[in-house]
C-alpha cells in the first residue's frame, strides 16, 4: 500500500480547508479523488475522536448559532413533482454553533 508523504497530506488538507472541492483538490495536488476522499474521512474521524475527548466543561459565555443553506439536485421550488418530499432533493440546512470569543465550534 502506498503512503502519502506528510507534505502531500498537508497540501491536500490545506486545499480542502481553503474551500476547494474534492475534484479541484485532486487536480491541484495530482492525487486520485479516492485518495483525497479517504484522507478527508480519516482526518474527520480523528477530529471527532479528539473533540469527544477534549471538549468537556467548556467555558463558553456566548454561543452564536447560524445556518448554512444549500441545495441538493435543485432548489426546493424547482424539484420535479416526482421527487418532491423525497430525501436527497431540495433545500439543505446545516446548523452550526460557535463560541463568539474563542471561535471554537463545539461538537
PDB file of N, CA and C in Angstrom:
ATOM      1  N   UNK A   1       0.841  -1.170   0.000  1.00  0.00           N
ATOM      2  CA  UNK A   1       0.000   0.000   0.000  1.00  0.00           C
ATOM      3  C   UNK A   1       0.894   1.243   0.000  1.00  0.00           C
ATOM      4  N   UNK A   2       0.557   2.211  -0.817  1.00  0.00           N
ATOM      5  CA  UNK A   2       1.305   3.464  -0.869  1.00  0.00           C
ATOM      6  C   UNK A   2       0.869   4.365   0.278  1.00  0.00           C
ATOM      7  N   UNK A   3       1.820   5.141   0.796  1.00  0.00           N
ATOM      8  CA  UNK A   3       1.513   6.108   1.849  1.00  0.00           C
ATOM      9  C   UNK A   3       1.852   7.489   1.333  1.00  0.00           C
ATOM     10  N   UNK A   4       0.984   8.413   1.578  1.00  0.00           N
ATOM     11  CA  UNK A   4       1.253   9.795   1.185  1.00  0.00           C
ATOM     12  C   UNK A   4       2.285  10.401   2.117  1.00  0.00           C
ATOM     13  N   UNK A   5       3.140  11.233   1.569  1.00  0.00           N
ATOM     14  CA  UNK A   5       4.104  11.942   2.409  1.00  0.00           C
ATOM     15  C   UNK A   5       3.358  12.975   3.246  1.00  0.00           C
ATOM     16  N   UNK A   6       3.993  13.400   4.318  1.00  0.00           N
ATOM     17  CA  UNK A   6       3.393  14.408   5.186  1.00  0.00           C
ATOM     18  C   UNK A   6       3.124  15.688   4.393  1.00  0.00           C
ATOM     19  N   UNK A   7       4.053  16.066   3.542  1.00  0.00           N
ATOM     20  CA  UNK A   7       3.891  17.283   2.749  1.00  0.00           C
ATOM     21  C   UNK A   7       2.664  17.198   1.833  1.00  0.00           C
ATOM     22  N   UNK A   8       2.451  16.039   1.231  1.00  0.00           N
ATOM     23  CA  UNK A   8       1.314  15.864   0.325  1.00  0.00           C
ATOM     24  C   UNK A   8       0.005  15.892   1.115  1.00  0.00           C
ATOM     25  N   UNK A   9      -0.016  15.275   2.293  1.00  0.00           N
ATOM     26  CA  UNK A   9      -1.229  15.309   3.124  1.00  0.00           C
ATOM     27  C   UNK A   9      -1.547  16.735   3.543  1.00  0.00           C
ATOM     28  N   UNK A  10      -0.516  17.487   3.925  1.00  0.00           N
ATOM     29  CA  UNK A  10      -0.711  18.889   4.314  1.00  0.00           C
ATOM     30  C   UNK A  10      -1.236  19.694   3.131  1.00  0.00           C
ATOM     31  N   UNK A  11      -0.697  19.438   1.952  1.00  0.00           N
ATOM     32  CA  UNK A  11      -1.153  20.145   0.754  1.00  0.00           C
ATOM     33  C   UNK A  11      -2.626  19.857   0.473  1.00  0.00           C
ATOM     34  N   UNK A  12      -3.024  18.590   0.569  1.00  0.00           N
ATOM     35  CA  UNK A  12      -4.419  18.210   0.314  1.00  0.00           C
ATOM     36  C   UNK A  12      -5.346  18.853   1.335  1.00  0.00           C
ATOM     37  N   UNK A  13      -4.999  18.736   2.610  1.00  0.00           N
ATOM     38  CA  UNK A  13      -5.857  19.307   3.656  1.00  0.00           C
ATOM     39  C   UNK A  13      -5.905  20.828   3.562  1.00  0.00           C
ATOM     40  N   UNK A  14      -4.802  21.446   3.185  1.00  0.00           N
ATOM     41  CA  UNK A  14      -4.787  22.897   3.003  1.00  0.00           C
ATOM     42  C   UNK A  14      -5.758  23.328   1.922  1.00  0.00           C
ATOM     43  N   UNK A  15      -5.775  22.587   0.820  1.00  0.00           N
ATOM     44  CA  UNK A  15      -6.721  22.894  -0.267  1.00  0.00           C
ATOM     45  C   UNK A  15      -8.164  22.762   0.212  1.00  0.00           C
ATOM     46  N   UNK A  16      -8.455  21.682   0.937  1.00  0.00           N
ATOM     47  CA  UNK A  16      -9.824  21.450   1.407  1.00  0.00           C
ATOM     48  C   UNK A  16     -10.254  22.503   2.419  1.00  0.00           C
ATOM     49  N   UNK A  17      -9.357  22.878   3.320  1.00  0.00           N
ATOM     50  CA  UNK A  17      -9.671  23.888   4.332  1.00  0.00           C
ATOM     51  C   UNK A  17      -9.939  25.241   3.672  1.00  0.00           C
ATOM     52  N   UNK A  18      -9.273  25.523   2.570  1.00  0.00           N
ATOM     53  CA  UNK A  18      -9.484  26.778   1.854  1.00  0.00           C
ATOM     54  C   UNK A  18     -10.778  26.783   1.054  1.00  0.00           C
ATOM     55  N   UNK A  19     -11.487  25.657   1.025  1.00  0.00           N
ATOM     56  CA  UNK A  19     -12.791  25.626   0.378  1.00  0.00           C
ATOM     57  C   UNK A  19     -12.796  25.014  -1.008  1.00  0.00           C
ATOM     58  N   UNK A  20     -11.685  24.423  -1.426  1.00  0.00           N
ATOM     59  CA  UNK A  20     -11.660  23.769  -2.734  1.00  0.00           C
ATOM     60  C   UNK A  20     -12.481  22.487  -2.701  1.00  0.00           C
ATOM     61  N   UNK A  21     -13.032  22.132  -3.841  1.00  0.00           N
ATOM     62  CA  UNK A  21     -13.805  20.901  -3.943  1.00  0.00           C
ATOM     63  C   UNK A  21     -12.866  19.704  -3.956  1.00  0.00           C
ATOM     64  N   UNK A  22     -13.448  18.513  -3.807  1.00  0.00           N
ATOM     65  CA  UNK A  22     -12.642  17.295  -3.863  1.00  0.00           C
ATOM     66  C   UNK A  22     -11.967  17.160  -5.225  1.00  0.00           C
ATOM     67  N   UNK A  23     -12.713  17.411  -6.277  1.00  0.00           N
ATOM     68  CA  UNK A  23     -12.148  17.259  -7.626  1.00  0.00           C
ATOM     69  C   UNK A  23     -11.049  18.282  -7.913  1.00  0.00           C
ATOM     70  N   UNK A  24     -11.252  19.531  -7.511  1.00  0.00           N
ATOM     71  CA  UNK A  24     -10.205  20.527  -7.767  1.00  0.00           C
ATOM     72  C   UNK A  24      -8.974  20.230  -6.924  1.00  0.00           C
ATOM     73  N   UNK A  25      -9.173  19.766  -5.695  1.00  0.00           N
ATOM     74  CA  UNK A  25      -8.041  19.376  -4.853  1.00  0.00           C
ATOM     75  C   UNK A  25      -7.275  18.231  -5.496  1.00  0.00           C
ATOM     76  N   UNK A  26      -8.009  17.275  -6.040  1.00  0.00           N
ATOM     77  CA  UNK A  26      -7.392  16.153  -6.729  1.00  0.00           C
ATOM     78  C   UNK A  26      -6.544  16.641  -7.906  1.00  0.00           C
ATOM     79  N   UNK A  27      -7.074  17.550  -8.696  1.00  0.00           N
ATOM     80  CA  UNK A  27      -6.337  18.078  -9.849  1.00  0.00           C
ATOM     81  C   UNK A  27      -5.110  18.875  -9.417  1.00  0.00           C
ATOM     82  N   UNK A  28      -5.267  19.731  -8.407  1.00  0.00           N
ATOM     83  CA  UNK A  28      -4.175  20.609  -7.990  1.00  0.00           C
ATOM     84  C   UNK A  28      -3.020  19.833  -7.352  1.00  0.00           C
ATOM     85  N   UNK A  29      -3.349  18.762  -6.647  1.00  0.00           N
ATOM     86  CA  UNK A  29      -2.302  18.013  -5.935  1.00  0.00           C
ATOM     87  C   UNK A  29      -1.781  16.824  -6.724  1.00  0.00           C
ATOM     88  N   UNK A  30      -2.462  16.445  -7.799  1.00  0.00           N
ATOM     89  CA  UNK A  30      -2.032  15.306  -8.593  1.00  0.00           C
ATOM     90  C   UNK A  30      -2.351  13.966  -7.948  1.00  0.00           C
ATOM     91  N   UNK A  31      -3.299  13.956  -7.026  1.00  0.00           N
ATOM     92  CA  UNK A  31      -3.706  12.721  -6.346  1.00  0.00           C
ATOM     93  C   UNK A  31      -5.069  12.272  -6.859  1.00  0.00           C
ATOM     94  N   UNK A  32      -5.335  11.014  -6.705  1.00  0.00           N
ATOM     95  CA  UNK A  32      -6.631  10.459  -7.064  1.00  0.00           C
ATOM     96  C   UNK A  32      -7.709  11.055  -6.164  1.00  0.00           C
ATOM     97  N   UNK A  33      -8.908  11.227  -6.711  1.00  0.00           N
ATOM     98  CA  UNK A  33     -10.021  11.727  -5.891  1.00  0.00           C
ATOM     99  C   UNK A  33     -10.330  10.746  -4.766  1.00  0.00           C
ATOM    100  N   UNK A  34     -10.112   9.466  -4.998  1.00  0.00           N
ATOM    101  CA  UNK A  34     -10.314   8.474  -3.932  1.00  0.00           C
ATOM    102  C   UNK A  34      -9.324   8.686  -2.798  1.00  0.00           C
ATOM    103  N   UNK A  35      -8.098   9.069  -3.117  1.00  0.00           N
ATOM    104  CA  UNK A  35      -7.085   9.352  -2.107  1.00  0.00           C
ATOM    105  C   UNK A  35      -7.485  10.570  -1.282  1.00  0.00           C
ATOM    106  N   UNK A  36      -7.940  11.611  -1.970  1.00  0.00           N
ATOM    107  CA  UNK A  36      -8.378  12.836  -1.285  1.00  0.00           C
ATOM    108  C   UNK A  36      -9.558  12.530  -0.367  1.00  0.00           C
ATOM    109  N   UNK A  37     -10.522  11.777  -0.860  1.00  0.00           N
ATOM    110  CA  UNK A  37     -11.700  11.424  -0.063  1.00  0.00           C
ATOM    111  C   UNK A  37     -11.322  10.588   1.149  1.00  0.00           C
ATOM    112  N   UNK A  38     -10.450   9.605   0.969  1.00  0.00           N
ATOM    113  CA  UNK A  38     -10.038   8.747   2.083  1.00  0.00           C
ATOM    114  C   UNK A  38      -9.321   9.565   3.150  1.00  0.00           C
ATOM    115  N   UNK A  39      -8.439  10.461   2.726  1.00  0.00           N
ATOM    116  CA  UNK A  39      -7.739  11.309   3.693  1.00  0.00           C
ATOM    117  C   UNK A  39      -8.728  12.178   4.458  1.00  0.00           C
ATOM    118  N   UNK A  40      -9.695  12.751   3.767  1.00  0.00           N
ATOM    119  CA  UNK A  40     -10.699  13.593   4.413  1.00  0.00           C
ATOM    120  C   UNK A  40     -11.498  12.800   5.447  1.00  0.00           C
ATOM    121  N   UNK A  41     -11.911  11.595   5.094  1.00  0.00           N
ATOM    122  CA  UNK A  41     -12.667  10.748   6.025  1.00  0.00           C
ATOM    123  C   UNK A  41     -11.800  10.377   7.234  1.00  0.00           C
ATOM    124  N   UNK A  42     -10.549   9.997   6.989  1.00  0.00           N
ATOM    125  CA  UNK A  42      -9.648   9.622   8.086  1.00  0.00           C
ATOM    126  C   UNK A  42      -9.404  10.790   9.032  1.00  0.00           C
ATOM    127  N   UNK A  43      -9.158  11.974   8.492  1.00  0.00           N
ATOM    128  CA  UNK A  43      -8.927  13.155   9.329  1.00  0.00           C
ATOM    129  C   UNK A  43     -10.203  13.516  10.092  1.00  0.00           C
ATOM    130  N   UNK A  44     -11.352  13.376   9.456  1.00  0.00           N
ATOM    131  CA  UNK A  44     -12.621  13.657  10.132  1.00  0.00           C
ATOM    132  C   UNK A  44     -12.839  12.760  11.340  1.00  0.00           C
ATOM    133  N   UNK A  45     -12.489  11.484  11.198  1.00  0.00           N
ATOM    134  CA  UNK A  45     -12.631  10.550  12.328  1.00  0.00           C
ATOM    135  C   UNK A  45     -11.709  10.938  13.474  1.00  0.00           C
ATOM    136  N   UNK A  46     -10.476  11.308  13.150  1.00  0.00           N
ATOM    137  CA  UNK A  46      -9.517  11.707  14.182  1.00  0.00           C
ATOM    138  C   UNK A  46      -9.989  12.985  14.877  1.00  0.00           C
ATOM    139  N   UNK A  47     -10.502  13.946  14.109  1.00  0.00           N
ATOM    140  CA  UNK A  47     -11.015  15.192  14.700  1.00  0.00           C
ATOM    141  C   UNK A  47     -12.205  14.916  15.621  1.00  0.00           C
ATOM    142  N   UNK A  48     -13.103  14.030  15.198  1.00  0.00           N
ATOM    143  CA  UNK A  48     -14.260  13.693  16.033  1.00  0.00           C
ATOM    144  C   UNK A  48     -13.814  13.032  17.330  1.00  0.00           C
ATOM    145  N   UNK A  49     -12.838  12.136  17.264  1.00  0.00           N
ATOM    146  CA  UNK A  49     -12.315  11.495  18.477  1.00  0.00           C
ATOM    147  C   UNK A  49     -11.685  12.524  19.405  1.00  0.00           C
ATOM    148  N   UNK A  50     -10.927  13.454  18.837  1.00  0.00           N
ATOM    149  CA  UNK A  50     -10.293  14.498  19.647  1.00  0.00           C
ATOM    150  C   UNK A  50     -11.349  15.354  20.341  1.00  0.00           C
ATOM    151  N   UNK A  51     -12.367  15.781  19.591  1.00  0.00           N
ATOM    152  CA  UNK A  51     -13.408  16.613  20.190  1.00  0.00           C
ATOM    153  C   UNK A  51     -14.149  15.869  21.298  1.00  0.00           C
ATOM    154  N   UNK A  52     -14.417  14.580  21.092  1.00  0.00           N
ATOM    155  CA  UNK A  52     -15.110  13.800  22.113  1.00  0.00           C
ATOM    156  C   UNK A  52     -14.305  13.727  23.405  1.00  0.00           C
ATOM    157  N   UNK A  53     -12.982  13.709  23.289  1.00  0.00           N
ATOM    158  CA  UNK A  53     -12.114  13.608  24.471  1.00  0.00           C
ATOM    159  C   UNK A  53     -11.821  14.968  25.101  1.00  0.00           C
ATOM    160  N   UNK A  54     -11.670  16.000  24.279  1.00  0.00           N
ATOM    161  CA  UNK A  54     -11.170  17.280  24.774  1.00  0.00           C
ATOM    162  C   UNK A  54     -12.253  18.314  25.082  1.00  0.00           C
ATOM    163  N   UNK A  55     -13.391  18.226  24.450  1.00  0.00           N
ATOM    164  CA  UNK A  55     -14.390  19.278  24.590  1.00  0.00           C
ATOM    165  C   UNK A  55     -15.359  18.977  25.733  1.00  0.00           C
ATOM    166  N   UNK A  56     -14.875  19.148  26.949  1.00  0.00           N
ATOM    167  CA  UNK A  56     -15.704  18.968  28.147  1.00  0.00           C
ATOM    168  C   UNK A  56     -15.559  20.193  29.033  1.00  0.00           C
ATOM    169  N   UNK A  57     -16.622  20.554  29.709  1.00  0.00           N
ATOM    170  CA  UNK A  57     -16.617  21.696  30.628  1.00  0.00           C
ATOM    171  C   UNK A  57     -16.072  22.958  29.957  1.00  0.00           C
ATOM    172  N   UNK A  58     -16.573  23.264  28.792  1.00  0.00           N
ATOM    173  CA  UNK A  58     -16.134  24.451  28.074  1.00  0.00           C
ATOM    174  C   UNK A  58     -16.585  25.707  28.806  1.00  0.00           C
ATOM    175  N   UNK A  59     -15.780  26.749  28.722  1.00  0.00           N
ATOM    176  CA  UNK A  59     -16.093  27.997  29.434  1.00  0.00           C
ATOM    177  C   UNK A  59     -16.730  29.030  28.507  1.00  0.00           C
ATOM    178  N   UNK A  60     -17.379  28.578  27.479  1.00  0.00           N
ATOM    179  CA  UNK A  60     -18.014  29.494  26.521  1.00  0.00           C
ATOM    180  C   UNK A  60     -19.087  30.318  27.221  1.00  0.00           C
ATOM    181  N   UNK A  61     -19.050  31.616  26.978  1.00  0.00           N
ATOM    182  CA  UNK A  61     -20.044  32.509  27.568  1.00  0.00           C
ATOM    183  C   UNK A  61     -21.100  32.915  26.532  1.00  0.00           C
ATOM    184  N   UNK A  62     -20.693  33.043  25.264  1.00  0.00           N
ATOM    185  CA  UNK A  62     -21.608  33.453  24.200  1.00  0.00           C
ATOM    186  C   UNK A  62     -21.462  32.483  23.034  1.00  0.00           C
ATOM    187  N   UNK A  63     -22.550  31.820  22.687  1.00  0.00           N
ATOM    188  CA  UNK A  63     -22.567  30.908  21.543  1.00  0.00           C
ATOM    189  C   UNK A  63     -23.398  31.560  20.436  1.00  0.00           C
ATOM    190  N   UNK A  64     -22.808  31.663  19.264  1.00  0.00           N
ATOM    191  CA  UNK A  64     -23.517  32.199  18.107  1.00  0.00           C
ATOM    192  C   UNK A  64     -23.942  31.020  17.233  1.00  0.00           C
ATOM    193  N   UNK A  65     -25.202  31.014  16.851  1.00  0.00           N
ATOM    194  CA  UNK A  65     -25.732  29.941  16.008  1.00  0.00           C
ATOM    195  C   UNK A  65     -26.120  30.518  14.649  1.00  0.00           C
ATOM    196  N   UNK A  66     -25.912  29.719  13.633  1.00  0.00           N
ATOM    197  CA  UNK A  66     -26.251  30.151  12.289  1.00  0.00           C
ATOM    198  C   UNK A  66     -26.525  28.921  11.441  1.00  0.00           C
ATOM    199  N   UNK A  67     -27.124  29.144  10.288  1.00  0.00           N
ATOM    200  CA  UNK A  67     -27.364  28.029   9.377  1.00  0.00           C
ATOM    201  C   UNK A  67     -26.665  28.311   8.055  1.00  0.00           C
ATOM    202  N   UNK A  68     -26.299  27.238   7.381  1.00  0.00           N
ATOM    203  CA  UNK A  68     -25.725  27.324   6.045  1.00  0.00           C
ATOM    204  C   UNK A  68     -26.749  26.686   5.116  1.00  0.00           C
ATOM    205  N   UNK A  69     -27.199  27.460   4.143  1.00  0.00           N
ATOM    206  CA  UNK A  69     -28.205  26.949   3.218  1.00  0.00           C
ATOM    207  C   UNK A  69     -27.521  26.466   1.951  1.00  0.00           C
ATOM    208  N   UNK A  70     -27.981  25.363   1.433  1.00  0.00           N
ATOM    209  CA  UNK A  70     -27.518  24.843   0.154  1.00  0.00           C
ATOM    210  C   UNK A  70     -28.667  24.043  -0.439  1.00  0.00           C
ATOM    211  N   UNK A  71     -28.423  23.399  -1.556  1.00  0.00           N
ATOM    212  CA  UNK A  71     -29.455  22.533  -2.117  1.00  0.00           C
ATOM    213  C   UNK A  71     -28.806  21.329  -2.762  1.00  0.00           C
ATOM    214  N   UNK A  72     -29.589  20.275  -2.864  1.00  0.00           N
ATOM    215  CA  UNK A  72     -29.143  19.045  -3.499  1.00  0.00           C
ATOM    216  C   UNK A  72     -30.051  18.802  -4.707  1.00  0.00           C
ATOM    217  N   UNK A  73     -29.465  18.645  -5.852  1.00  0.00           N
ATOM    218  CA  UNK A  73     -30.148  18.433  -7.126  1.00  0.00           C
ATOM    219  C   UNK A  73     -30.768  19.734  -7.643  1.00  0.00           C
ATOM    220  N   UNK A  74     -31.645  20.345  -6.878  1.00  0.00           N
ATOM    221  CA  UNK A  74     -32.300  21.584  -7.302  1.00  0.00           C
ATOM    222  C   UNK A  74     -32.829  22.310  -6.070  1.00  0.00           C
ATOM    223  N   UNK A  75     -33.049  23.620  -6.222  1.00  0.00           N
ATOM    224  CA  UNK A  75     -33.696  24.362  -5.144  1.00  0.00           C
ATOM    225  C   UNK A  75     -35.084  23.783  -4.921  1.00  0.00           C
ATOM    226  N   UNK A  76     -35.583  23.919  -3.703  1.00  0.00           N
ATOM    227  CA  UNK A  76     -36.868  23.311  -3.317  1.00  0.00           C
ATOM    228  C   UNK A  76     -37.982  23.622  -4.320  1.00  0.00           C
ATOM    229  N   UNK A  77     -38.060  24.869  -4.761  1.00  0.00           N
ATOM    230  CA  UNK A  77     -39.146  25.265  -5.668  1.00  0.00           C
ATOM    231  C   UNK A  77     -39.014  24.662  -7.069  1.00  0.00           C
ATOM    232  N   UNK A  78     -37.815  24.160  -7.408  1.00  0.00           N
ATOM    233  CA  UNK A  78     -37.581  23.616  -8.744  1.00  0.00           C
ATOM    234  C   UNK A  78     -37.484  22.095  -8.787  1.00  0.00           C
ATOM    235  N   UNK A  79     -37.707  21.434  -7.662  1.00  0.00           N
ATOM    236  CA  UNK A  79     -37.640  19.968  -7.635  1.00  0.00           C
ATOM    237  C   UNK A  79     -38.813  19.405  -8.442  1.00  0.00           C
ATOM    238  N   UNK A  80     -38.561  18.464  -9.343  1.00  0.00           N
ATOM    239  CA  UNK A  80     -39.660  17.868 -10.112  1.00  0.00           C
ATOM    240  C   UNK A  80     -40.696  17.212  -9.200  1.00  0.00           C
ATOM    241  N   UNK A  81     -41.941  17.202  -9.632  1.00  0.00           N
ATOM    242  CA  UNK A  81     -43.034  16.664  -8.816  1.00  0.00           C
ATOM    243  C   UNK A  81     -42.781  15.244  -8.354  1.00  0.00           C
ATOM    244  N   UNK A  82     -42.161  14.417  -9.198  1.00  0.00           N
ATOM    245  CA  UNK A  82     -41.940  13.012  -8.821  1.00  0.00           C
ATOM    246  C   UNK A  82     -40.898  12.852  -7.705  1.00  0.00           C
ATOM    247  N   UNK A  83     -40.150  13.924  -7.399  1.00  0.00           N
ATOM    248  CA  UNK A  83     -39.125  13.833  -6.348  1.00  0.00           C
ATOM    249  C   UNK A  83     -39.422  14.730  -5.145  1.00  0.00           C
ATOM    250  N   UNK A  84     -40.542  15.441  -5.150  1.00  0.00           N
ATOM    251  CA  UNK A  84     -40.862  16.329  -4.024  1.00  0.00           C
ATOM    252  C   UNK A  84     -41.085  15.507  -2.757  1.00  0.00           C
ATOM    253  N   UNK A  85     -40.475  15.970  -1.690  1.00  0.00           N
ATOM    254  CA  UNK A  85     -40.594  15.288  -0.410  1.00  0.00           C
ATOM    255  C   UNK A  85     -39.659  14.098  -0.269  1.00  0.00           C
ATOM    256  N   UNK A  86     -38.937  13.778  -1.320  1.00  0.00           N
ATOM    257  CA  UNK A  86     -38.018  12.640  -1.302  1.00  0.00           C
ATOM    258  C   UNK A  86     -36.661  13.090  -0.756  1.00  0.00           C
ATOM    259  N   UNK A  87     -36.037  12.242   0.055  1.00  0.00           N
ATOM    260  CA  UNK A  87     -34.731  12.561   0.628  1.00  0.00           C
ATOM    261  C   UNK A  87     -33.700  12.722  -0.479  1.00  0.00           C
ATOM    262  N   UNK A  88     -32.846  13.764  -0.369  1.00  0.00           N
ATOM    263  CA  UNK A  88     -31.793  13.979  -1.352  1.00  0.00           C
ATOM    264  C   UNK A  88     -32.149  14.969  -2.434  1.00  0.00           C
ATOM    265  N   UNK A  89     -33.313  15.597  -2.338  1.00  0.00           N
ATOM    266  CA  UNK A  89     -33.737  16.575  -3.323  1.00  0.00           C
ATOM    267  C   UNK A  89     -34.217  17.826  -2.598  1.00  0.00           C
ATOM    268  N   UNK A  90     -33.711  18.981  -3.015  1.00  0.00           N
ATOM    269  CA  UNK A  90     -34.216  20.237  -2.481  1.00  0.00           C
ATOM    270  C   UNK A  90     -33.261  20.923  -1.525  1.00  0.00           C
ATOM    271  N   UNK A  91     -33.821  21.796  -0.689  1.00  0.00           N
ATOM    272  CA  UNK A  91     -33.039  22.623   0.221  1.00  0.00           C
ATOM    273  C   UNK A  91     -32.395  21.794   1.322  1.00  0.00           C
ATOM    274  N   UNK A  92     -31.200  22.240   1.716  1.00  0.00           N
ATOM    275  CA  UNK A  92     -30.453  21.584   2.794  1.00  0.00           C
ATOM    276  C   UNK A  92     -29.962  22.676   3.736  1.00  0.00           C
ATOM    277  N   UNK A  93     -30.147  22.475   5.019  1.00  0.00           N
ATOM    278  CA  UNK A  93     -29.657  23.418   6.021  1.00  0.00           C
ATOM    279  C   UNK A  93     -28.696  22.692   6.950  1.00  0.00           C
ATOM    280  N   UNK A  94     -27.532  23.300   7.152  1.00  0.00           N
ATOM    281  CA  UNK A  94     -26.562  22.793   8.119  1.00  0.00           C
ATOM    282  C   UNK A  94     -26.473  23.832   9.223  1.00  0.00           C
ATOM    283  N   UNK A  95     -26.782  23.423  10.451  1.00  0.00           N
ATOM    284  CA  UNK A  95     -26.774  24.339  11.575  1.00  0.00           C
ATOM    285  C   UNK A  95     -25.434  24.261  12.284  1.00  0.00           C
ATOM    286  N   UNK A  96     -24.892  25.428  12.630  1.00  0.00           N
ATOM    287  CA  UNK A  96     -23.606  25.482  13.315  1.00  0.00           C
ATOM    288  C   UNK A  96     -23.731  26.336  14.571  1.00  0.00           C
ATOM    289  N   UNK A  97     -22.848  26.067  15.525  1.00  0.00           N
ATOM    290  CA  UNK A  97     -22.749  26.866  16.737  1.00  0.00           C
ATOM    291  C   UNK A  97     -21.275  27.145  16.983  1.00  0.00           C
ATOM    292  N   UNK A  98     -20.956  28.402  17.334  1.00  0.00           N
ATOM    293  CA  UNK A  98     -19.563  28.782  17.539  1.00  0.00           C
ATOM    294  C   UNK A  98     -19.461  29.713  18.723  1.00  0.00           C
ATOM    295  N   UNK A  99     -18.418  29.503  19.528  1.00  0.00           N
ATOM    296  CA  UNK A  99     -18.158  30.398  20.646  1.00  0.00           C
ATOM    297  C   UNK A  99     -17.703  31.733  20.079  1.00  0.00           C
ATOM    298  N   UNK A 100     -18.362  32.812  20.453  1.00  0.00           N
ATOM    299  CA  UNK A 100     -18.067  34.134  19.909  1.00  0.00           C
ATOM    300  C   UNK A 100     -16.687  34.634  20.331  1.00  0.00           C
ATOM    301  N   UNK A 101     -16.188  34.163  21.454  1.00  0.00           N
ATOM    302  CA  UNK A 101     -14.908  34.652  21.965  1.00  0.00           C
ATOM    303  C   UNK A 101     -13.718  33.839  21.487  1.00  0.00           C
ATOM    304  N   UNK A 102     -13.827  32.514  21.531  1.00  0.00           N
ATOM    305  CA  UNK A 102     -12.689  31.652  21.186  1.00  0.00           C
ATOM    306  C   UNK A 102     -12.753  31.122  19.766  1.00  0.00           C
ATOM    307  N   UNK A 103     -13.898  31.267  19.103  1.00  0.00           N
ATOM    308  CA  UNK A 103     -14.144  30.748  17.752  1.00  0.00           C
ATOM    309  C   UNK A 103     -14.133  29.219  17.676  1.00  0.00           C
ATOM    310  N   UNK A 104     -14.257  28.573  18.808  1.00  0.00           N
ATOM    311  CA  UNK A 104     -14.318  27.106  18.824  1.00  0.00           C
ATOM    312  C   UNK A 104     -15.721  26.667  18.397  1.00  0.00           C
ATOM    313  N   UNK A 105     -15.786  25.594  17.653  1.00  0.00           N
ATOM    314  CA  UNK A 105     -17.058  25.027  17.203  1.00  0.00           C
ATOM    315  C   UNK A 105     -17.285  23.754  18.000  1.00  0.00           C
ATOM    316  N   UNK A 106     -18.064  23.844  19.086  1.00  0.00           N
ATOM    317  CA  UNK A 106     -18.254  22.648  19.931  1.00  0.00           C
ATOM    318  C   UNK A 106     -19.042  21.572  19.214  1.00  0.00           C
ATOM    319  N   UNK A 107     -18.694  20.329  19.469  1.00  0.00           N
ATOM    320  CA  UNK A 107     -19.380  19.228  18.784  1.00  0.00           C
ATOM    321  C   UNK A 107     -20.636  18.861  19.538  1.00  0.00           C
TER     322      UNK A 107
END
